[in-house]
């Protein structure tokens, strides 16, 4: 989808997103092939650790 890691991190922090699904709704990331959902979860884990 052409969304960068930085854009995902910014969306999580700015919008208080809590799930991979919420990230998809906000950024369209992980909504087509769902291949990057594990990577999105890793970003959540890093931000919340």
N, C-alpha and C. Protein backbone atom coordinates (compact mmCIF):
# COMPACT_ATOMS: atom_id res chain seq x y z
N UNK A 1 0.82 -1.20 0.00
CA UNK A 1 0.00 0.00 0.00
C UNK A 1 0.87 1.27 0.00
N UNK A 2 2.16 1.10 0.16
CA UNK A 2 3.04 2.26 0.13
C UNK A 2 3.07 3.06 1.42
N UNK A 3 2.63 2.47 2.49
CA UNK A 3 2.62 3.14 3.79
C UNK A 3 3.94 2.82 4.49
N UNK A 4 4.58 3.84 5.04
CA UNK A 4 5.86 3.61 5.69
C UNK A 4 5.67 3.22 7.16
N UNK A 5 6.73 2.66 7.71
CA UNK A 5 6.72 2.31 9.14
C UNK A 5 6.45 3.56 9.98
N UNK A 6 7.08 4.66 9.60
CA UNK A 6 6.89 5.92 10.32
C UNK A 6 5.44 6.37 10.32
N UNK A 7 4.77 6.21 9.20
CA UNK A 7 3.35 6.58 9.11
C UNK A 7 2.50 5.69 10.01
N UNK A 8 2.85 4.41 10.08
CA UNK A 8 2.12 3.49 10.95
C UNK A 8 2.34 3.88 12.40
N UNK A 9 3.60 4.14 12.77
CA UNK A 9 3.91 4.54 14.15
C UNK A 9 3.19 5.84 14.51
N UNK A 10 3.21 6.81 13.60
CA UNK A 10 2.54 8.08 13.86
C UNK A 10 1.04 7.88 14.07
N UNK A 11 0.42 7.04 13.25
CA UNK A 11 -1.02 6.79 13.38
C UNK A 11 -1.33 6.12 14.72
N UNK A 12 -0.52 5.14 15.10
CA UNK A 12 -0.73 4.44 16.37
C UNK A 12 -0.67 5.43 17.52
N UNK A 13 0.36 6.27 17.52
CA UNK A 13 0.57 7.22 18.62
C UNK A 13 -0.46 8.34 18.61
N UNK A 14 -0.73 8.92 17.46
CA UNK A 14 -1.62 10.07 17.38
C UNK A 14 -3.07 9.71 17.62
N UNK A 15 -3.48 8.56 17.13
CA UNK A 15 -4.89 8.17 17.21
C UNK A 15 -5.16 7.20 18.35
N UNK A 16 -4.10 6.75 19.04
CA UNK A 16 -4.29 5.80 20.13
C UNK A 16 -4.80 4.45 19.65
N UNK A 17 -4.34 4.03 18.48
CA UNK A 17 -4.81 2.77 17.91
C UNK A 17 -4.32 1.61 18.76
N UNK A 18 -5.14 0.59 18.89
CA UNK A 18 -4.84 -0.53 19.79
C UNK A 18 -4.77 -1.88 19.09
N UNK A 19 -5.22 -1.97 17.84
CA UNK A 19 -5.24 -3.25 17.15
C UNK A 19 -4.73 -3.10 15.71
N UNK A 20 -4.32 -4.23 15.15
CA UNK A 20 -3.91 -4.26 13.75
C UNK A 20 -5.07 -3.82 12.87
N UNK A 21 -6.27 -4.23 13.23
CA UNK A 21 -7.46 -3.86 12.45
C UNK A 21 -7.67 -2.34 12.45
N UNK A 22 -7.46 -1.70 13.59
CA UNK A 22 -7.61 -0.24 13.65
C UNK A 22 -6.57 0.45 12.78
N UNK A 23 -5.35 -0.08 12.75
CA UNK A 23 -4.33 0.47 11.87
C UNK A 23 -4.78 0.35 10.42
N UNK A 24 -5.34 -0.79 10.06
CA UNK A 24 -5.84 -1.00 8.70
C UNK A 24 -6.94 -0.02 8.34
N UNK A 25 -7.85 0.22 9.26
CA UNK A 25 -8.94 1.16 9.00
C UNK A 25 -8.40 2.58 8.81
N UNK A 26 -7.38 2.93 9.58
CA UNK A 26 -6.83 4.28 9.53
C UNK A 26 -5.89 4.50 8.35
N UNK A 27 -5.09 3.48 8.01
CA UNK A 27 -4.04 3.67 7.00
C UNK A 27 -4.16 2.79 5.77
N UNK A 28 -5.06 1.85 5.77
CA UNK A 28 -5.23 0.85 4.70
C UNK A 28 -4.14 -0.21 4.71
N UNK A 29 -3.22 -0.15 5.66
CA UNK A 29 -2.14 -1.13 5.76
C UNK A 29 -2.68 -2.45 6.26
N UNK A 30 -2.28 -3.53 5.60
CA UNK A 30 -2.69 -4.86 6.03
C UNK A 30 -4.10 -5.24 5.66
N UNK A 31 -4.72 -4.51 4.77
CA UNK A 31 -6.12 -4.77 4.44
C UNK A 31 -6.31 -5.52 3.13
N UNK A 32 -5.29 -5.56 2.30
CA UNK A 32 -5.46 -6.21 1.00
C UNK A 32 -5.02 -7.67 1.07
N UNK A 33 -3.73 -7.89 1.18
CA UNK A 33 -3.26 -9.28 1.22
C UNK A 33 -3.04 -9.76 2.65
N UNK A 34 -3.02 -8.85 3.58
CA UNK A 34 -2.83 -9.12 5.01
C UNK A 34 -1.45 -9.69 5.33
N UNK A 35 -0.53 -9.62 4.39
CA UNK A 35 0.81 -10.16 4.57
C UNK A 35 1.66 -9.40 5.57
N UNK A 36 1.33 -8.16 5.83
CA UNK A 36 2.16 -7.35 6.72
C UNK A 36 1.57 -7.24 8.13
N UNK A 37 0.51 -7.96 8.42
CA UNK A 37 -0.11 -7.83 9.73
C UNK A 37 0.82 -8.23 10.87
N UNK A 38 1.69 -9.22 10.64
CA UNK A 38 2.65 -9.59 11.68
C UNK A 38 3.63 -8.45 11.93
N UNK A 39 4.03 -7.76 10.88
CA UNK A 39 4.94 -6.63 11.03
C UNK A 39 4.26 -5.48 11.79
N UNK A 40 2.99 -5.26 11.53
CA UNK A 40 2.25 -4.22 12.27
C UNK A 40 2.20 -4.59 13.74
N UNK A 41 1.97 -5.85 14.04
CA UNK A 41 1.95 -6.30 15.43
C UNK A 41 3.30 -6.08 16.09
N UNK A 42 4.37 -6.31 15.37
CA UNK A 42 5.71 -6.06 15.91
C UNK A 42 5.90 -4.59 16.25
N UNK A 43 5.37 -3.71 15.43
CA UNK A 43 5.45 -2.27 15.71
C UNK A 43 4.70 -1.96 17.00
N UNK A 44 3.50 -2.52 17.16
CA UNK A 44 2.75 -2.35 18.41
C UNK A 44 3.58 -2.82 19.60
N UNK A 45 4.17 -4.00 19.48
CA UNK A 45 4.95 -4.57 20.58
C UNK A 45 6.11 -3.66 20.96
N UNK A 46 6.77 -3.10 19.96
CA UNK A 46 7.90 -2.20 20.23
C UNK A 46 7.44 -0.91 20.89
N UNK A 47 6.35 -0.34 20.41
CA UNK A 47 5.84 0.91 20.96
C UNK A 47 5.36 0.71 22.40
N UNK A 48 4.76 -0.41 22.67
CA UNK A 48 4.15 -0.66 23.98
C UNK A 48 5.07 -1.34 24.98
N UNK A 49 6.34 -1.55 24.61
CA UNK A 49 7.23 -2.23 25.56
C UNK A 49 7.96 -1.25 26.46
